[in-house]
C-alpha atoms as a PDB file:
ATOM      1  CA  MET A   1     -13.185   4.577  -8.715  1.00  0.00           C
ATOM      2  CA  GLY A   2     -12.909   6.871 -11.778  1.00  0.00           C
ATOM      3  CA  ASP A   3     -10.278   7.255 -14.375  1.00  0.00           C
ATOM      4  CA  GLU A   4      -8.707  10.261 -12.998  1.00  0.00           C
ATOM      5  CA  LEU A   5      -7.613   8.105  -9.953  1.00  0.00           C
ATOM      6  CA  ALA A   6      -6.053   5.216 -12.226  1.00  0.00           C
ATOM      7  CA  ARG A   7      -2.245   5.400 -12.096  1.00  0.00           C
ATOM      8  CA  ASP A   8      -0.296   4.607 -15.712  1.00  0.00           C
ATOM      9  CA  GLU A   9       1.795   1.871 -14.879  1.00  0.00           C
ATOM     10  CA  ASP A  10       1.996  -1.261 -12.669  1.00  0.00           C
ATOM     11  CA  ASP A  11       4.363  -0.615  -9.684  1.00  0.00           C
ATOM     12  CA  HIS A  12       5.336  -4.115  -7.868  1.00  0.00           C
ATOM     13  CA  ASP A  13       8.482  -2.680  -6.185  1.00  0.00           C
ATOM     14  CA  LEU A  14       8.732  -3.321  -2.537  1.00  0.00           C
ATOM     15  CA  LEU A  15       8.799  -0.130  -0.802  1.00  0.00           C
ATOM     16  CA  THR A  16      10.299   1.214   2.788  1.00  0.00           C
ATOM     17  CA  PHE A  17       8.246   2.584   4.983  1.00  0.00           C
ATOM     18  CA  ASN A  18       9.133   6.271   3.796  1.00  0.00           C
ATOM     19  CA  GLU A  19       8.585   5.667  -0.059  1.00  0.00           C
ATOM     20  CA  SER A  20       4.808   3.991   1.033  1.00  0.00           C
ATOM     21  CA  ALA A  21       4.121   7.227   3.127  1.00  0.00           C
ATOM     22  CA  ILE A  22       4.784   9.273   0.285  1.00  0.00           C
ATOM     23  CA  ARG A  23       3.029   7.251  -2.072  1.00  0.00           C
ATOM     24  CA  LEU A  24      -0.087   6.949   0.623  1.00  0.00           C
ATOM     25  CA  ARG A  25      -0.086  10.964   0.982  1.00  0.00           C
ATOM     26  CA  GLU A  26      -0.097  11.227  -2.910  1.00  0.00           C
ATOM     27  CA  GLU A  27      -3.086   9.278  -2.869  1.00  0.00           C
ATOM     28  CA  ILE A  28      -4.926  11.075  -0.284  1.00  0.00           C
ATOM     29  CA  ALA A  29      -4.423  14.418  -1.877  1.00  0.00           C
ATOM     30  CA  ALA A  30      -5.518  13.102  -5.162  1.00  0.00           C
ATOM     31  CA  THR A  31      -8.740  11.654  -3.758  1.00  0.00           C
ATOM     32  CA  GLU A  32      -9.408  14.599  -1.741  1.00  0.00           C
ATOM     33  CA  ALA A  33      -8.733  16.790  -5.061  1.00  0.00           C
ATOM     34  CA  ALA A  34     -11.572  14.494  -6.752  1.00  0.00           C
ATOM     35  CA  LEU A  35     -13.774  14.908  -3.577  1.00  0.00           C
ATOM     36  CA  GLY A  36     -13.758  18.592  -3.819  1.00  0.00           C
ATOM     37  CA  GLU A  37     -14.805  18.256  -7.837  1.00  0.00           C
ATOM     38  CA  SER A  38     -18.500  17.751  -6.535  1.00  0.00           C
ATOM     39  CA  PRO A  39     -18.934  14.651  -7.348  1.00  0.00           C
ATOM     40  CA  THR A  40     -22.392  12.762  -7.380  1.00  0.00           C
ATOM     41  CA  ALA A  41     -23.739  11.112  -4.213  1.00  0.00           C
ATOM     42  CA  GLU A  42     -22.547   7.770  -5.220  1.00  0.00           C
ATOM     43  CA  ARG A  43     -19.322   8.821  -6.404  1.00  0.00           C
ATOM     44  CA  ARG A  44     -18.742  11.085  -3.218  1.00  0.00           C
ATOM     45  CA  ALA A  45     -19.375   7.962  -0.977  1.00  0.00           C
ATOM     46  CA  ALA A  46     -16.897   5.698  -2.816  1.00  0.00           C
ATOM     47  CA  LEU A  47     -14.115   8.411  -2.845  1.00  0.00           C
ATOM     48  CA  GLU A  48     -15.079   8.844   1.025  1.00  0.00           C
ATOM     49  CA  ALA A  49     -14.272   5.201   1.702  1.00  0.00           C
ATOM     50  CA  ARG A  50     -11.127   5.444  -0.241  1.00  0.00           C
ATOM     51  CA  LEU A  51     -10.118   8.135   1.419  1.00  0.00           C
ATOM     52  CA  ALA A  52     -10.693   6.466   5.092  1.00  0.00           C
ATOM     53  CA  ALA A  53      -8.900   3.392   3.741  1.00  0.00           C
ATOM     54  CA  LEU A  54      -5.882   5.140   2.578  1.00  0.00           C
ATOM     55  CA  ALA A  55      -5.773   7.359   5.963  1.00  0.00           C
ATOM     56  CA  GLY A  56      -5.979   3.856   8.001  1.00  0.00           C
ATOM     57  CA  ALA A  57      -3.391   2.676   5.449  1.00  0.00           C
ATOM     58  CA  LEU A  58      -1.157   5.833   6.246  1.00  0.00           C
ATOM     59  CA  GLU A  59      -1.840   5.784  10.254  1.00  0.00           C
ATOM     60  CA  ARG A  60      -1.296   1.853  10.494  1.00  0.00           C
ATOM     61  CA  ASN A  61       2.323   2.779   8.296  1.00  0.00           C
ATOM     62  CA  THR A  62       3.289   5.472  10.413  1.00  0.00           C
ATOM     63  CA  ARG A  63       2.810   3.539  13.515  1.00  0.00           C
ATOM     64  CA  LEU A  64       4.960   0.798  12.304  1.00  0.00           C
ATOM     65  CA  ALA A  65       7.788   2.697  10.797  1.00  0.00           C
ATOM     66  CA  GLY A  66       7.861   4.143  14.099  1.00  0.00           C
ATOM     67  CA  LYS A  67       8.522   0.932  16.156  1.00  0.00           C
ATOM     68  CA  ASN A  68      11.019   0.195  13.238  1.00  0.00           C
ATOM     69  CA  PRO A  69      13.250   3.141  12.755  1.00  0.00           C
ATOM     70  CA  GLY A  70      15.235   2.346   9.848  1.00  0.00           C
ATOM     71  CA  GLY A  71      13.757  -1.164   9.692  1.00  0.00           C
ATOM     72  CA  THR A  72      13.112  -3.059   6.150  1.00  0.00           C
ATOM     73  CA  GLY A  73      10.861  -5.136   7.530  1.00  0.00           C
ATOM     74  CA  PHE A  74       9.989  -7.859   5.497  1.00  0.00           C
ATOM     75  CA  LEU A  75      12.564  -7.235   3.029  1.00  0.00           C
ATOM     76  CA  ASN A  76      15.233  -8.941   5.208  1.00  0.00           C
ATOM     77  CA  TYR A  77      12.493 -11.959   5.525  1.00  0.00           C
ATOM     78  CA  THR A  78      14.351 -15.589   4.899  1.00  0.00           C
ATOM     79  CA  PRO A  79      12.160 -18.319   4.471  1.00  0.00           C
ATOM     80  CA  PRO A  80      11.984 -21.310   6.758  1.00  0.00           C
ATOM     81  CA  PRO A  81      14.271 -24.288   4.839  1.00  0.00           C
ATOM     82  CA  ARG A  82      12.018 -26.596   2.741  1.00  0.00           C
ATOM     83  CA  ALA A  83      11.381 -30.083   3.798  1.00  0.00           C
ATOM     84  CA  ALA A  84      12.850 -32.220   0.988  1.00  0.00           C
ATOM     85  CA  ALA A  85      10.028 -34.030  -1.429  1.00  0.00           C
ATOM     86  CA  GLU A  86      10.205 -37.323  -1.595  1.00  0.00           C
ATOM     87  CA  GLY A  87      12.368 -38.762  -3.850  1.00  0.00           C
ATOM     88  CA  GLU A  88      14.327 -35.445  -4.325  1.00  0.00           C
ATOM     89  CA  GLY A  89      17.924 -35.024  -3.514  1.00  0.00           C
ATOM     90  CA  GLN A  90      18.349 -39.083  -3.573  1.00  0.00           C
ATOM     91  CA  ALA A  91      20.579 -40.446  -6.388  1.00  0.00           C
END
């Protein structure tokens, strides 16, 4: 993708369904704007592929949010207990 779609900073936050939907819509709008600038055929194909991927992600996000309204999903994940490694916990 071109520089205009690059973001200023890395963002590794865990997002709620609503927050991720907002970001996906922002990315969709930015990609649609880039498509409106009459890009080259190669760039247009890349932008259209990106737009399709973003739209699919938004659809999945919306579907999952509807199944679990108010849910935090993986934010409540508790990993299974670790099996003690050999020699661990022995004095």
